[in-house]
């Protein structure tokens, strides 16, 4: 019975390592060039709104002539066969940390928020 438990543990470890090796995971101190820029959607709810990704900044248009700017702490990227998911860690003026999770599809040139997969944003 002990050998069987050890075999299960070994198989579980191999499975986890294999799953982790199946996708590439990167961490960097800034926003990657391929997703930098001003992004807009044609969805009516977000008319006149945009977000902008700069090397070390995340900017969100909150209304006509109003925007909030946040400092990017670091970015994690996980690639799969179809797109790249970026987890952008950013902080406000008070030092509170937030995470924006977006997927970038280079073929379509669009970004979708992980919590709004049916809403696409396109670079200006």
PDB file of N, CA and C in Angstrom:
ATOM      1  N   UNK A   1       0.804  -1.193   0.000  1.00  0.00           N
ATOM      2  CA  UNK A   1       0.000   0.000   0.000  1.00  0.00           C
ATOM      3  C   UNK A   1       0.850   1.262   0.000  1.00  0.00           C
ATOM      4  N   UNK A   2       1.994   1.262   0.708  1.00  0.00           N
ATOM      5  CA  UNK A   2       2.869   2.426   0.767  1.00  0.00           C
ATOM      6  C   UNK A   2       3.448   2.719  -0.613  1.00  0.00           C
ATOM      7  N   UNK A   3       3.850   1.690  -1.348  1.00  0.00           N
ATOM      8  CA  UNK A   3       4.396   1.879  -2.687  1.00  0.00           C
ATOM      9  C   UNK A   3       3.347   2.524  -3.589  1.00  0.00           C
ATOM     10  N   UNK A   4       2.137   2.106  -3.476  1.00  0.00           N
ATOM     11  CA  UNK A   4       1.047   2.646  -4.283  1.00  0.00           C
ATOM     12  C   UNK A   4       0.839   4.136  -3.993  1.00  0.00           C
ATOM     13  N   UNK A   5       0.895   4.549  -2.727  1.00  0.00           N
ATOM     14  CA  UNK A   5       0.758   5.961  -2.378  1.00  0.00           C
ATOM     15  C   UNK A   5       1.922   6.777  -2.938  1.00  0.00           C
ATOM     16  N   UNK A   6       3.118   6.246  -2.859  1.00  0.00           N
ATOM     17  CA  UNK A   6       4.290   6.944  -3.408  1.00  0.00           C
ATOM     18  C   UNK A   6       4.181   7.082  -4.921  1.00  0.00           C
ATOM     19  N   UNK A   7       3.688   6.058  -5.569  1.00  0.00           N
ATOM     20  CA  UNK A   7       3.495   6.123  -7.024  1.00  0.00           C
ATOM     21  C   UNK A   7       2.470   7.194  -7.382  1.00  0.00           C
ATOM     22  N   UNK A   8       1.397   7.265  -6.624  1.00  0.00           N
ATOM     23  CA  UNK A   8       0.384   8.295  -6.873  1.00  0.00           C
ATOM     24  C   UNK A   8       0.964   9.691  -6.687  1.00  0.00           C
ATOM     25  N   UNK A   9       1.754   9.874  -5.636  1.00  0.00           N
ATOM     26  CA  UNK A   9       2.385  11.172  -5.405  1.00  0.00           C
ATOM     27  C   UNK A   9       3.322  11.532  -6.546  1.00  0.00           C
ATOM     28  N   UNK A  10       4.104  10.573  -7.008  1.00  0.00           N
ATOM     29  CA  UNK A  10       5.028  10.811  -8.109  1.00  0.00           C
ATOM     30  C   UNK A  10       4.264  11.168  -9.385  1.00  0.00           C
ATOM     31  N   UNK A  11       3.208  10.432  -9.677  1.00  0.00           N
ATOM     32  CA  UNK A  11       2.402  10.723 -10.872  1.00  0.00           C
ATOM     33  C   UNK A  11       1.738  12.093 -10.777  1.00  0.00           C
ATOM     34  N   UNK A  12       1.269  12.446  -9.604  1.00  0.00           N
ATOM     35  CA  UNK A  12       0.658  13.769  -9.418  1.00  0.00           C
ATOM     36  C   UNK A  12       1.687  14.872  -9.629  1.00  0.00           C
ATOM     37  N   UNK A  13       2.878  14.685  -9.103  1.00  0.00           N
ATOM     38  CA  UNK A  13       3.952  15.676  -9.271  1.00  0.00           C
ATOM     39  C   UNK A  13       4.323  15.814 -10.740  1.00  0.00           C
ATOM     40  N   UNK A  14       4.470  14.705 -11.429  1.00  0.00           N
ATOM     41  CA  UNK A  14       4.804  14.738 -12.856  1.00  0.00           C
ATOM     42  C   UNK A  14       3.699  15.439 -13.644  1.00  0.00           C
ATOM     43  N   UNK A  15       2.449  15.181 -13.308  1.00  0.00           N
ATOM     44  CA  UNK A  15       1.323  15.823 -14.001  1.00  0.00           C
ATOM     45  C   UNK A  15       1.338  17.334 -13.809  1.00  0.00           C
ATOM     46  N   UNK A  16       1.594  17.776 -12.590  1.00  0.00           N
ATOM     47  CA  UNK A  16       1.621  19.219 -12.306  1.00  0.00           C
ATOM     48  C   UNK A  16       2.769  19.891 -13.051  1.00  0.00           C
ATOM     49  N   UNK A  17       3.946  19.289 -13.004  1.00  0.00           N
ATOM     50  CA  UNK A  17       5.105  19.853 -13.713  1.00  0.00           C
ATOM     51  C   UNK A  17       4.827  19.890 -15.206  1.00  0.00           C
ATOM     52  N   UNK A  18       4.248  18.849 -15.748  1.00  0.00           N
ATOM     53  CA  UNK A  18       3.911  18.814 -17.171  1.00  0.00           C
ATOM     54  C   UNK A  18       2.920  19.889 -17.551  1.00  0.00           C
ATOM     55  N   UNK A  19       1.924  20.111 -16.713  1.00  0.00           N
ATOM     56  CA  UNK A  19       0.933  21.165 -16.981  1.00  0.00           C
ATOM     57  C   UNK A  19       1.591  22.535 -16.955  1.00  0.00           C
ATOM     58  N   UNK A  20       2.492  22.754 -16.011  1.00  0.00           N
ATOM     59  CA  UNK A  20       3.176  24.042 -15.932  1.00  0.00           C
ATOM     60  C   UNK A  20       4.096  24.272 -17.127  1.00  0.00           C
ATOM     61  N   UNK A  21       4.692  23.222 -17.629  1.00  0.00           N
ATOM     62  CA  UNK A  21       5.574  23.354 -18.788  1.00  0.00           C
ATOM     63  C   UNK A  21       4.786  23.515 -20.075  1.00  0.00           C
ATOM     64  N   UNK A  22       3.506  23.171 -20.069  1.00  0.00           N
ATOM     65  CA  UNK A  22       2.669  23.262 -21.265  1.00  0.00           C
ATOM     66  C   UNK A  22       2.359  24.681 -21.682  1.00  0.00           C
ATOM     67  N   UNK A  23       2.532  25.650 -20.817  1.00  0.00           N
ATOM     68  CA  UNK A  23       2.317  27.051 -21.176  1.00  0.00           C
ATOM     69  C   UNK A  23       3.499  27.862 -20.668  1.00  0.00           C
ATOM     70  N   UNK A  24       3.802  28.893 -21.408  1.00  0.00           N
ATOM     71  CA  UNK A  24       4.942  29.725 -21.040  1.00  0.00           C
ATOM     72  C   UNK A  24       4.471  30.846 -20.121  1.00  0.00           C
ATOM     73  N   UNK A  25       5.164  31.034 -19.021  1.00  0.00           N
ATOM     74  CA  UNK A  25       4.809  32.050 -18.035  1.00  0.00           C
ATOM     75  C   UNK A  25       5.993  33.004 -17.897  1.00  0.00           C
ATOM     76  N   UNK A  26       5.722  34.294 -18.100  1.00  0.00           N
ATOM     77  CA  UNK A  26       6.791  35.289 -18.001  1.00  0.00           C
ATOM     78  C   UNK A  26       6.363  36.404 -17.056  1.00  0.00           C
ATOM     79  N   UNK A  27       7.350  37.011 -16.405  1.00  0.00           N
ATOM     80  CA  UNK A  27       7.106  38.172 -15.553  1.00  0.00           C
ATOM     81  C   UNK A  27       8.087  39.254 -15.971  1.00  0.00           C
ATOM     82  N   UNK A  28       7.586  40.485 -16.106  1.00  0.00           N
ATOM     83  CA  UNK A  28       8.431  41.596 -16.514  1.00  0.00           C
ATOM     84  C   UNK A  28       8.032  42.842 -15.744  1.00  0.00           C
ATOM     85  N   UNK A  29       8.926  43.843 -15.666  1.00  0.00           N
ATOM     86  CA  UNK A  29       8.652  45.038 -14.864  1.00  0.00           C
ATOM     87  C   UNK A  29       7.782  46.083 -15.559  1.00  0.00           C
ATOM     88  N   UNK A  30       7.504  45.887 -16.853  1.00  0.00           N
ATOM     89  CA  UNK A  30       6.743  46.895 -17.586  1.00  0.00           C
ATOM     90  C   UNK A  30       5.725  46.249 -18.524  1.00  0.00           C
ATOM     91  N   UNK A  31       4.894  47.086 -19.131  1.00  0.00           N
ATOM     92  CA  UNK A  31       3.887  46.609 -20.077  1.00  0.00           C
ATOM     93  C   UNK A  31       4.598  46.256 -21.386  1.00  0.00           C
ATOM     94  N   UNK A  32       4.362  45.055 -21.921  1.00  0.00           N
ATOM     95  CA  UNK A  32       5.032  44.677 -23.164  1.00  0.00           C
ATOM     96  C   UNK A  32       4.607  45.579 -24.334  1.00  0.00           C
ATOM     97  N   UNK A  33       5.518  45.861 -25.251  1.00  0.00           N
ATOM     98  CA  UNK A  33       5.215  46.761 -26.370  1.00  0.00           C
ATOM     99  C   UNK A  33       4.000  46.349 -27.200  1.00  0.00           C
ATOM    100  N   UNK A  34       3.760  45.056 -27.343  1.00  0.00           N
ATOM    101  CA  UNK A  34       2.662  44.598 -28.205  1.00  0.00           C
ATOM    102  C   UNK A  34       1.275  44.963 -27.682  1.00  0.00           C
ATOM    103  N   UNK A  35       1.150  45.346 -26.407  1.00  0.00           N
ATOM    104  CA  UNK A  35      -0.171  45.747 -25.905  1.00  0.00           C
ATOM    105  C   UNK A  35      -0.222  47.212 -25.475  1.00  0.00           C
ATOM    106  N   UNK A  36       0.856  47.939 -25.693  1.00  0.00           N
ATOM    107  CA  UNK A  36       0.847  49.365 -25.356  1.00  0.00           C
ATOM    108  C   UNK A  36      -0.012  50.120 -26.354  1.00  0.00           C
ATOM    109  N   UNK A  37      -0.633  51.170 -25.867  1.00  0.00           N
ATOM    110  CA  UNK A  37      -1.437  52.010 -26.738  1.00  0.00           C
ATOM    111  C   UNK A  37      -2.779  52.342 -26.123  1.00  0.00           C
ATOM    112  N   UNK A  38      -3.598  53.067 -26.889  1.00  0.00           N
ATOM    113  CA  UNK A  38      -4.946  53.445 -26.474  1.00  0.00           C
ATOM    114  C   UNK A  38      -5.910  52.419 -27.056  1.00  0.00           C
ATOM    115  N   UNK A  39      -6.797  51.920 -26.201  1.00  0.00           N
ATOM    116  CA  UNK A  39      -7.744  50.867 -26.586  1.00  0.00           C
ATOM    117  C   UNK A  39      -9.169  51.366 -26.381  1.00  0.00           C
ATOM    118  N   UNK A  40     -10.027  51.115 -27.388  1.00  0.00           N
ATOM    119  CA  UNK A  40     -11.432  51.525 -27.327  1.00  0.00           C
ATOM    120  C   UNK A  40     -12.328  50.370 -27.769  1.00  0.00           C
ATOM    121  N   UNK A  41     -13.578  50.450 -27.357  1.00  0.00           N
ATOM    122  CA  UNK A  41     -14.579  49.481 -27.796  1.00  0.00           C
ATOM    123  C   UNK A  41     -15.737  50.238 -28.426  1.00  0.00           C
ATOM    124  N   UNK A  42     -16.503  49.550 -29.255  1.00  0.00           N
ATOM    125  CA  UNK A  42     -17.674  50.191 -29.852  1.00  0.00           C
ATOM    126  C   UNK A  42     -18.960  49.879 -29.075  1.00  0.00           C
ATOM    127  N   UNK A  43     -18.815  49.263 -27.919  1.00  0.00           N
ATOM    128  CA  UNK A  43     -19.977  48.955 -27.079  1.00  0.00           C
ATOM    129  C   UNK A  43     -20.569  50.258 -26.540  1.00  0.00           C
ATOM    130  N   UNK A  44     -21.882  50.403 -26.633  1.00  0.00           N
ATOM    131  CA  UNK A  44     -22.566  51.648 -26.241  1.00  0.00           C
ATOM    132  C   UNK A  44     -22.322  52.033 -24.787  1.00  0.00           C
ATOM    133  N   UNK A  45     -22.216  51.056 -23.923  1.00  0.00           N
ATOM    134  CA  UNK A  45     -22.014  51.321 -22.498  1.00  0.00           C
ATOM    135  C   UNK A  45     -20.693  52.060 -22.240  1.00  0.00           C
ATOM    136  N   UNK A  46     -19.720  51.879 -23.133  1.00  0.00           N
ATOM    137  CA  UNK A  46     -18.400  52.477 -22.944  1.00  0.00           C
ATOM    138  C   UNK A  46     -18.109  53.570 -23.971  1.00  0.00           C
ATOM    139  N   UNK A  47     -19.148  54.160 -24.519  1.00  0.00           N
ATOM    140  CA  UNK A  47     -18.981  55.230 -25.503  1.00  0.00           C
ATOM    141  C   UNK A  47     -18.176  56.382 -24.898  1.00  0.00           C
ATOM    142  N   UNK A  48     -17.151  56.818 -25.607  1.00  0.00           N
ATOM    143  CA  UNK A  48     -16.292  57.895 -25.127  1.00  0.00           C
ATOM    144  C   UNK A  48     -15.260  57.462 -24.105  1.00  0.00           C
ATOM    145  N   UNK A  49     -15.246  56.198 -23.774  1.00  0.00           N
ATOM    146  CA  UNK A  49     -14.285  55.675 -22.787  1.00  0.00           C
ATOM    147  C   UNK A  49     -13.149  54.959 -23.492  1.00  0.00           C
ATOM    148  N   UNK A  50     -12.053  54.863 -22.823  1.00  0.00           N
ATOM    149  CA  UNK A  50     -10.901  54.134 -23.342  1.00  0.00           C
ATOM    150  C   UNK A  50     -10.025  53.734 -22.172  1.00  0.00           C
ATOM    151  N   UNK A  51      -9.062  52.892 -22.452  1.00  0.00           N
ATOM    152  CA  UNK A  51      -7.981  52.684 -21.498  1.00  0.00           C
ATOM    153  C   UNK A  51      -6.682  52.731 -22.287  1.00  0.00           C
ATOM    154  N   UNK A  52      -5.627  53.116 -21.594  1.00  0.00           N
ATOM    155  CA  UNK A  52      -4.326  53.229 -22.249  1.00  0.00           C
ATOM    156  C   UNK A  52      -3.291  52.475 -21.439  1.00  0.00           C
ATOM    157  N   UNK A  53      -2.466  51.741 -22.144  1.00  0.00           N
ATOM    158  CA  UNK A  53      -1.350  51.026 -21.523  1.00  0.00           C
ATOM    159  C   UNK A  53      -0.057  51.649 -22.018  1.00  0.00           C
ATOM    160  N   UNK A  54       0.723  52.155 -21.088  1.00  0.00           N
ATOM    161  CA  UNK A  54       2.049  52.701 -21.379  1.00  0.00           C
ATOM    162  C   UNK A  54       3.078  51.794 -20.726  1.00  0.00           C
ATOM    163  N   UNK A  55       4.337  52.100 -20.926  1.00  0.00           N
ATOM    164  CA  UNK A  55       5.403  51.257 -20.395  1.00  0.00           C
ATOM    165  C   UNK A  55       5.235  50.997 -18.893  1.00  0.00           C
ATOM    166  N   UNK A  56       4.964  52.035 -18.118  1.00  0.00           N
ATOM    167  CA  UNK A  56       4.822  51.892 -16.667  1.00  0.00           C
ATOM    168  C   UNK A  56       3.530  52.521 -16.140  1.00  0.00           C
ATOM    169  N   UNK A  57       2.500  52.656 -17.008  1.00  0.00           N
ATOM    170  CA  UNK A  57       1.253  53.285 -16.568  1.00  0.00           C
ATOM    171  C   UNK A  57       0.040  52.590 -17.180  1.00  0.00           C
ATOM    172  N   UNK A  58      -1.052  52.594 -16.408  1.00  0.00           N
ATOM    173  CA  UNK A  58      -2.364  52.117 -16.838  1.00  0.00           C
ATOM    174  C   UNK A  58      -3.314  53.281 -16.611  1.00  0.00           C
ATOM    175  N   UNK A  59      -3.925  53.768 -17.681  1.00  0.00           N
ATOM    176  CA  UNK A  59      -4.795  54.944 -17.626  1.00  0.00           C
ATOM    177  C   UNK A  59      -6.201  54.525 -18.033  1.00  0.00           C
ATOM    178  N   UNK A  60      -7.195  54.966 -17.248  1.00  0.00           N
ATOM    179  CA  UNK A  60      -8.580  54.633 -17.533  1.00  0.00           C
ATOM    180  C   UNK A  60      -9.376  55.919 -17.658  1.00  0.00           C
ATOM    181  N   UNK A  61     -10.037  56.114 -18.818  1.00  0.00           N
ATOM    182  CA  UNK A  61     -10.919  57.265 -19.000  1.00  0.00           C
ATOM    183  C   UNK A  61     -12.212  56.978 -18.245  1.00  0.00           C
ATOM    184  N   UNK A  62     -12.512  57.810 -17.259  1.00  0.00           N
ATOM    185  CA  UNK A  62     -13.671  57.588 -16.400  1.00  0.00           C
ATOM    186  C   UNK A  62     -14.872  58.439 -16.795  1.00  0.00           C
ATOM    187  N   UNK A  63     -14.690  59.317 -17.747  1.00  0.00           N
ATOM    188  CA  UNK A  63     -15.768  60.183 -18.208  1.00  0.00           C
ATOM    189  C   UNK A  63     -15.203  61.224 -19.150  1.00  0.00           C
ATOM    190  N   UNK A  64     -16.048  62.092 -19.673  1.00  0.00           N
ATOM    191  CA  UNK A  64     -15.572  63.124 -20.597  1.00  0.00           C
ATOM    192  C   UNK A  64     -14.497  63.999 -19.945  1.00  0.00           C
ATOM    193  N   UNK A  65     -13.298  63.954 -20.504  1.00  0.00           N
ATOM    194  CA  UNK A  65     -12.201  64.774 -20.000  1.00  0.00           C
ATOM    195  C   UNK A  65     -11.614  64.319 -18.681  1.00  0.00           C
ATOM    196  N   UNK A  66     -12.024  63.167 -18.173  1.00  0.00           N
ATOM    197  CA  UNK A  66     -11.526  62.680 -16.880  1.00  0.00           C
ATOM    198  C   UNK A  66     -10.867  61.314 -17.053  1.00  0.00           C
ATOM    199  N   UNK A  67      -9.736  61.148 -16.408  1.00  0.00           N
ATOM    200  CA  UNK A  67      -9.031  59.869 -16.467  1.00  0.00           C
ATOM    201  C   UNK A  67      -8.272  59.644 -15.165  1.00  0.00           C
ATOM    202  N   UNK A  68      -8.088  58.377 -14.832  1.00  0.00           N
ATOM    203  CA  UNK A  68      -7.290  57.997 -13.671  1.00  0.00           C
ATOM    204  C   UNK A  68      -6.023  57.312 -14.168  1.00  0.00           C
ATOM    205  N   UNK A  69      -4.893  57.641 -13.561  1.00  0.00           N
ATOM    206  CA  UNK A  69      -3.615  57.051 -13.948  1.00  0.00           C
ATOM    207  C   UNK A  69      -3.080  56.228 -12.786  1.00  0.00           C
ATOM    208  N   UNK A  70      -2.643  55.032 -13.099  1.00  0.00           N
ATOM    209  CA  UNK A  70      -2.085  54.110 -12.117  1.00  0.00           C
ATOM    210  C   UNK A  70      -0.673  53.724 -12.549  1.00  0.00           C
ATOM    211  N   UNK A  71       0.166  53.374 -11.597  1.00  0.00           N
ATOM    212  CA  UNK A  71       1.533  52.950 -11.873  1.00  0.00           C
ATOM    213  C   UNK A  71       1.587  51.434 -11.982  1.00  0.00           C
ATOM    214  N   UNK A  72       2.194  50.952 -13.054  1.00  0.00           N
ATOM    215  CA  UNK A  72       2.353  49.511 -13.248  1.00  0.00           C
ATOM    216  C   UNK A  72       3.521  49.027 -12.399  1.00  0.00           C
ATOM    217  N   UNK A  73       3.254  48.021 -11.561  1.00  0.00           N
ATOM    218  CA  UNK A  73       4.296  47.429 -10.719  1.00  0.00           C
ATOM    219  C   UNK A  73       5.049  46.349 -11.491  1.00  0.00           C
ATOM    220  N   UNK A  74       4.298  45.427 -12.105  1.00  0.00           N
ATOM    221  CA  UNK A  74       4.876  44.387 -12.950  1.00  0.00           C
ATOM    222  C   UNK A  74       3.758  43.722 -13.736  1.00  0.00           C
ATOM    223  N   UNK A  75       4.149  42.941 -14.733  1.00  0.00           N
ATOM    224  CA  UNK A  75       3.192  42.262 -15.607  1.00  0.00           C
ATOM    225  C   UNK A  75       3.584  40.797 -15.714  1.00  0.00           C
ATOM    226  N   UNK A  76       2.602  39.923 -15.543  1.00  0.00           N
ATOM    227  CA  UNK A  76       2.791  38.492 -15.765  1.00  0.00           C
ATOM    228  C   UNK A  76       2.100  38.143 -17.078  1.00  0.00           C
ATOM    229  N   UNK A  77       2.710  37.283 -17.865  1.00  0.00           N
ATOM    230  CA  UNK A  77       2.113  36.860 -19.129  1.00  0.00           C
ATOM    231  C   UNK A  77       2.129  35.344 -19.205  1.00  0.00           C
ATOM    232  N   UNK A  78       0.990  34.773 -19.601  1.00  0.00           N
ATOM    233  CA  UNK A  78       0.873  33.340 -19.791  1.00  0.00           C
ATOM    234  C   UNK A  78       0.372  33.111 -21.214  1.00  0.00           C
ATOM    235  N   UNK A  79       1.155  32.380 -22.013  1.00  0.00           N
ATOM    236  CA  UNK A  79       0.800  32.114 -23.400  1.00  0.00           C
ATOM    237  C   UNK A  79       0.160  30.748 -23.524  1.00  0.00           C
ATOM    238  N   UNK A  80      -0.873  30.673 -24.384  1.00  0.00           N
ATOM    239  CA  UNK A  80      -1.393  29.374 -24.794  1.00  0.00           C
ATOM    240  C   UNK A  80      -1.471  29.384 -26.314  1.00  0.00           C
ATOM    241  N   UNK A  81      -2.162  28.429 -26.897  1.00  0.00           N
ATOM    242  CA  UNK A  81      -2.184  28.307 -28.353  1.00  0.00           C
ATOM    243  C   UNK A  81      -2.874  29.480 -29.044  1.00  0.00           C
ATOM    244  N   UNK A  82      -3.847  30.094 -28.397  1.00  0.00           N
ATOM    245  CA  UNK A  82      -4.671  31.109 -29.054  1.00  0.00           C
ATOM    246  C   UNK A  82      -4.286  32.549 -28.723  1.00  0.00           C
ATOM    247  N   UNK A  83      -3.908  32.813 -27.490  1.00  0.00           N
ATOM    248  CA  UNK A  83      -3.650  34.193 -27.099  1.00  0.00           C
ATOM    249  C   UNK A  83      -2.702  34.253 -25.911  1.00  0.00           C
ATOM    250  N   UNK A  84      -2.493  35.460 -25.427  1.00  0.00           N
ATOM    251  CA  UNK A  84      -1.641  35.679 -24.259  1.00  0.00           C
ATOM    252  C   UNK A  84      -2.484  36.371 -23.198  1.00  0.00           C
ATOM    253  N   UNK A  85      -2.493  35.813 -22.002  1.00  0.00           N
ATOM    254  CA  UNK A  85      -3.185  36.449 -20.890  1.00  0.00           C
ATOM    255  C   UNK A  85      -2.149  37.241 -20.091  1.00  0.00           C
ATOM    256  N   UNK A  86      -2.431  38.535 -19.936  1.00  0.00           N
ATOM    257  CA  UNK A  86      -1.553  39.417 -19.172  1.00  0.00           C
ATOM    258  C   UNK A  86      -2.237  39.772 -17.864  1.00  0.00           C
ATOM    259  N   UNK A  87      -1.523  39.620 -16.766  1.00  0.00           N
ATOM    260  CA  UNK A  87      -1.997  40.076 -15.463  1.00  0.00           C
ATOM    261  C   UNK A  87      -1.163  41.297 -15.115  1.00  0.00           C
ATOM    262  N   UNK A  88      -1.788  42.464 -15.230  1.00  0.00           N
ATOM    263  CA  UNK A  88      -1.087  43.719 -14.993  1.00  0.00           C
ATOM    264  C   UNK A  88      -1.310  44.125 -13.544  1.00  0.00           C
ATOM    265  N   UNK A  89      -0.251  44.120 -12.774  1.00  0.00           N
ATOM    266  CA  UNK A  89      -0.310  44.514 -11.368  1.00  0.00           C
ATOM    267  C   UNK A  89       0.007  46.005 -11.313  1.00  0.00           C
ATOM    268  N   UNK A  90      -0.942  46.785 -10.783  1.00  0.00           N
ATOM    269  CA  UNK A  90      -0.755  48.234 -10.742  1.00  0.00           C
ATOM    270  C   UNK A  90      -1.185  48.778  -9.391  1.00  0.00           C
ATOM    271  N   UNK A  91      -0.709  49.981  -9.078  1.00  0.00           N
ATOM    272  CA  UNK A  91      -1.003  50.591  -7.780  1.00  0.00           C
ATOM    273  C   UNK A  91      -1.573  51.992  -7.971  1.00  0.00           C
ATOM    274  N   UNK A  92      -2.417  52.390  -7.010  1.00  0.00           N
ATOM    275  CA  UNK A  92      -2.960  53.750  -7.042  1.00  0.00           C
ATOM    276  C   UNK A  92      -2.040  54.684  -6.257  1.00  0.00           C
ATOM    277  N   UNK A  93      -2.464  55.942  -6.134  1.00  0.00           N
ATOM    278  CA  UNK A  93      -1.635  56.942  -5.436  1.00  0.00           C
ATOM    279  C   UNK A  93      -1.396  56.615  -3.969  1.00  0.00           C
ATOM    280  N   UNK A  94      -2.290  55.821  -3.378  1.00  0.00           N
ATOM    281  CA  UNK A  94      -2.161  55.463  -1.969  1.00  0.00           C
ATOM    282  C   UNK A  94      -1.390  54.160  -1.763  1.00  0.00           C
ATOM    283  N   UNK A  95      -0.935  53.537  -2.874  1.00  0.00           N
ATOM    284  CA  UNK A  95      -0.158  52.311  -2.772  1.00  0.00           C
ATOM    285  C   UNK A  95      -0.970  51.036  -2.758  1.00  0.00           C
ATOM    286  N   UNK A  96      -2.289  51.141  -2.928  1.00  0.00           N
ATOM    287  CA  UNK A  96      -3.127  49.941  -2.960  1.00  0.00           C
ATOM    288  C   UNK A  96      -2.933  49.239  -4.296  1.00  0.00           C
ATOM    289  N   UNK A  97      -2.707  47.914  -4.238  1.00  0.00           N
ATOM    290  CA  UNK A  97      -2.427  47.146  -5.449  1.00  0.00           C
ATOM    291  C   UNK A  97      -3.693  46.527  -6.027  1.00  0.00           C
ATOM    292  N   UNK A  98      -3.762  46.536  -7.352  1.00  0.00           N
ATOM    293  CA  UNK A  98      -4.860  45.940  -8.102  1.00  0.00           C
ATOM    294  C   UNK A  98      -4.261  45.059  -9.189  1.00  0.00           C
ATOM    295  N   UNK A  99      -5.096  44.186  -9.759  1.00  0.00           N
ATOM    296  CA  UNK A  99      -4.655  43.340 -10.864  1.00  0.00           C
ATOM    297  C   UNK A  99      -5.694  43.419 -11.977  1.00  0.00           C
ATOM    298  N   UNK A 100      -5.230  43.735 -13.172  1.00  0.00           N
ATOM    299  CA  UNK A 100      -6.061  43.732 -14.371  1.00  0.00           C
ATOM    300  C   UNK A 100      -5.663  42.508 -15.170  1.00  0.00           C
ATOM    301  N   UNK A 101      -6.615  41.639 -15.459  1.00  0.00           N
ATOM    302  CA  UNK A 101      -6.336  40.443 -16.234  1.00  0.00           C
ATOM    303  C   UNK A 101      -6.990  40.590 -17.604  1.00  0.00           C
ATOM    304  N   UNK A 102      -6.146  40.603 -18.646  1.00  0.00           N
ATOM    305  CA  UNK A 102      -6.641  40.770 -20.017  1.00  0.00           C
ATOM    306  C   UNK A 102      -6.013  39.713 -20.915  1.00  0.00           C
ATOM    307  N   UNK A 103      -6.724  39.395 -21.982  1.00  0.00           N
ATOM    308  CA  UNK A 103      -6.180  38.490 -22.996  1.00  0.00           C
ATOM    309  C   UNK A 103      -5.977  39.265 -24.277  1.00  0.00           C
ATOM    310  N   UNK A 104      -4.825  39.070 -24.897  1.00  0.00           N
ATOM    311  CA  UNK A 104      -4.491  39.742 -26.149  1.00  0.00           C
ATOM    312  C   UNK A 104      -4.420  38.708 -27.254  1.00  0.00           C
ATOM    313  N   UNK A 105      -5.228  38.915 -28.281  1.00  0.00           N
ATOM    314  CA  UNK A 105      -5.234  38.046 -29.449  1.00  0.00           C
ATOM    315  C   UNK A 105      -4.548  38.794 -30.584  1.00  0.00           C
ATOM    316  N   UNK A 106      -3.312  38.429 -30.883  1.00  0.00           N
ATOM    317  CA  UNK A 106      -2.535  39.129 -31.912  1.00  0.00           C
ATOM    318  C   UNK A 106      -3.148  38.970 -33.295  1.00  0.00           C
ATOM    319  N   UNK A 107      -3.791  37.846 -33.558  1.00  0.00           N
ATOM    320  CA  UNK A 107      -4.401  37.623 -34.878  1.00  0.00           C
ATOM    321  C   UNK A 107      -5.536  38.607 -35.135  1.00  0.00           C
ATOM    322  N   UNK A 108      -6.378  38.835 -34.138  1.00  0.00           N
ATOM    323  CA  UNK A 108      -7.516  39.751 -34.269  1.00  0.00           C
ATOM    324  C   UNK A 108      -7.160  41.174 -33.854  1.00  0.00           C
ATOM    325  N   UNK A 109      -6.017  41.342 -33.175  1.00  0.00           N
ATOM    326  CA  UNK A 109      -5.612  42.660 -32.697  1.00  0.00           C
ATOM    327  C   UNK A 109      -6.561  43.212 -31.656  1.00  0.00           C
ATOM    328  N   UNK A 110      -7.046  42.347 -30.773  1.00  0.00           N
ATOM    329  CA  UNK A 110      -8.012  42.793 -29.771  1.00  0.00           C
ATOM    330  C   UNK A 110      -7.606  42.341 -28.379  1.00  0.00           C
ATOM    331  N   UNK A 111      -8.135  43.073 -27.425  1.00  0.00           N
ATOM    332  CA  UNK A 111      -7.963  42.743 -26.014  1.00  0.00           C
ATOM    333  C   UNK A 111      -9.346  42.509 -25.428  1.00  0.00           C
ATOM    334  N   UNK A 112      -9.442  41.510 -24.574  1.00  0.00           N
ATOM    335  CA  UNK A 112     -10.669  41.310 -23.795  1.00  0.00           C
ATOM    336  C   UNK A 112     -10.284  41.213 -22.331  1.00  0.00           C
ATOM    337  N   UNK A 113     -11.110  41.830 -21.485  1.00  0.00           N
ATOM    338  CA  UNK A 113     -10.925  41.683 -20.044  1.00  0.00           C
ATOM    339  C   UNK A 113     -11.353  40.266 -19.677  1.00  0.00           C
ATOM    340  N   UNK A 114     -10.626  39.635 -18.786  1.00  0.00           N
ATOM    341  CA  UNK A 114     -10.954  38.262 -18.401  1.00  0.00           C
ATOM    342  C   UNK A 114     -12.353  38.148 -17.808  1.00  0.00           C
ATOM    343  N   UNK A 115     -12.832  39.217 -17.160  1.00  0.00           N
ATOM    344  CA  UNK A 115     -14.172  39.169 -16.565  1.00  0.00           C
ATOM    345  C   UNK A 115     -15.260  39.638 -17.536  1.00  0.00           C
ATOM    346  N   UNK A 116     -14.881  40.036 -18.767  1.00  0.00           N
ATOM    347  CA  UNK A 116     -15.840  40.444 -19.803  1.00  0.00           C
ATOM    348  C   UNK A 116     -15.409  39.850 -21.146  1.00  0.00           C
ATOM    349  N   UNK A 117     -15.433  38.525 -21.274  1.00  0.00           N
ATOM    350  CA  UNK A 117     -14.882  37.889 -22.480  1.00  0.00           C
ATOM    351  C   UNK A 117     -15.624  38.205 -23.782  1.00  0.00           C
ATOM    352  N   UNK A 118     -16.847  38.723 -23.701  1.00  0.00           N
ATOM    353  CA  UNK A 118     -17.608  39.032 -24.907  1.00  0.00           C
ATOM    354  C   UNK A 118     -17.459  40.477 -25.355  1.00  0.00           C
ATOM    355  N   UNK A 119     -16.642  41.255 -24.663  1.00  0.00           N
ATOM    356  CA  UNK A 119     -16.459  42.672 -24.967  1.00  0.00           C
ATOM    357  C   UNK A 119     -15.029  42.900 -25.448  1.00  0.00           C
ATOM    358  N   UNK A 120     -14.884  43.242 -26.734  1.00  0.00           N
ATOM    359  CA  UNK A 120     -13.555  43.412 -27.322  1.00  0.00           C
ATOM    360  C   UNK A 120     -13.156  44.874 -27.375  1.00  0.00           C
ATOM    361  N   UNK A 121     -11.873  45.122 -27.126  1.00  0.00           N
ATOM    362  CA  UNK A 121     -11.268  46.447 -27.208  1.00  0.00           C
ATOM    363  C   UNK A 121     -10.214  46.419 -28.305  1.00  0.00           C
ATOM    364  N   UNK A 122     -10.177  47.482 -29.123  1.00  0.00           N
ATOM    365  CA  UNK A 122      -9.238  47.558 -30.257  1.00  0.00           C
ATOM    366  C   UNK A 122      -8.364  48.782 -30.116  1.00  0.00           C
ATOM    367  N   UNK A 123      -7.125  48.651 -30.572  1.00  0.00           N
ATOM    368  CA  UNK A 123      -6.169  49.752 -30.488  1.00  0.00           C
ATOM    369  C   UNK A 123      -6.579  50.865 -31.444  1.00  0.00           C
ATOM    370  N   UNK A 124      -6.434  52.123 -30.966  1.00  0.00           N
ATOM    371  CA  UNK A 124      -6.702  53.304 -31.796  1.00  0.00           C
ATOM    372  C   UNK A 124      -5.705  53.380 -32.932  1.00  0.00           C
TER     373      UNK A 124
END
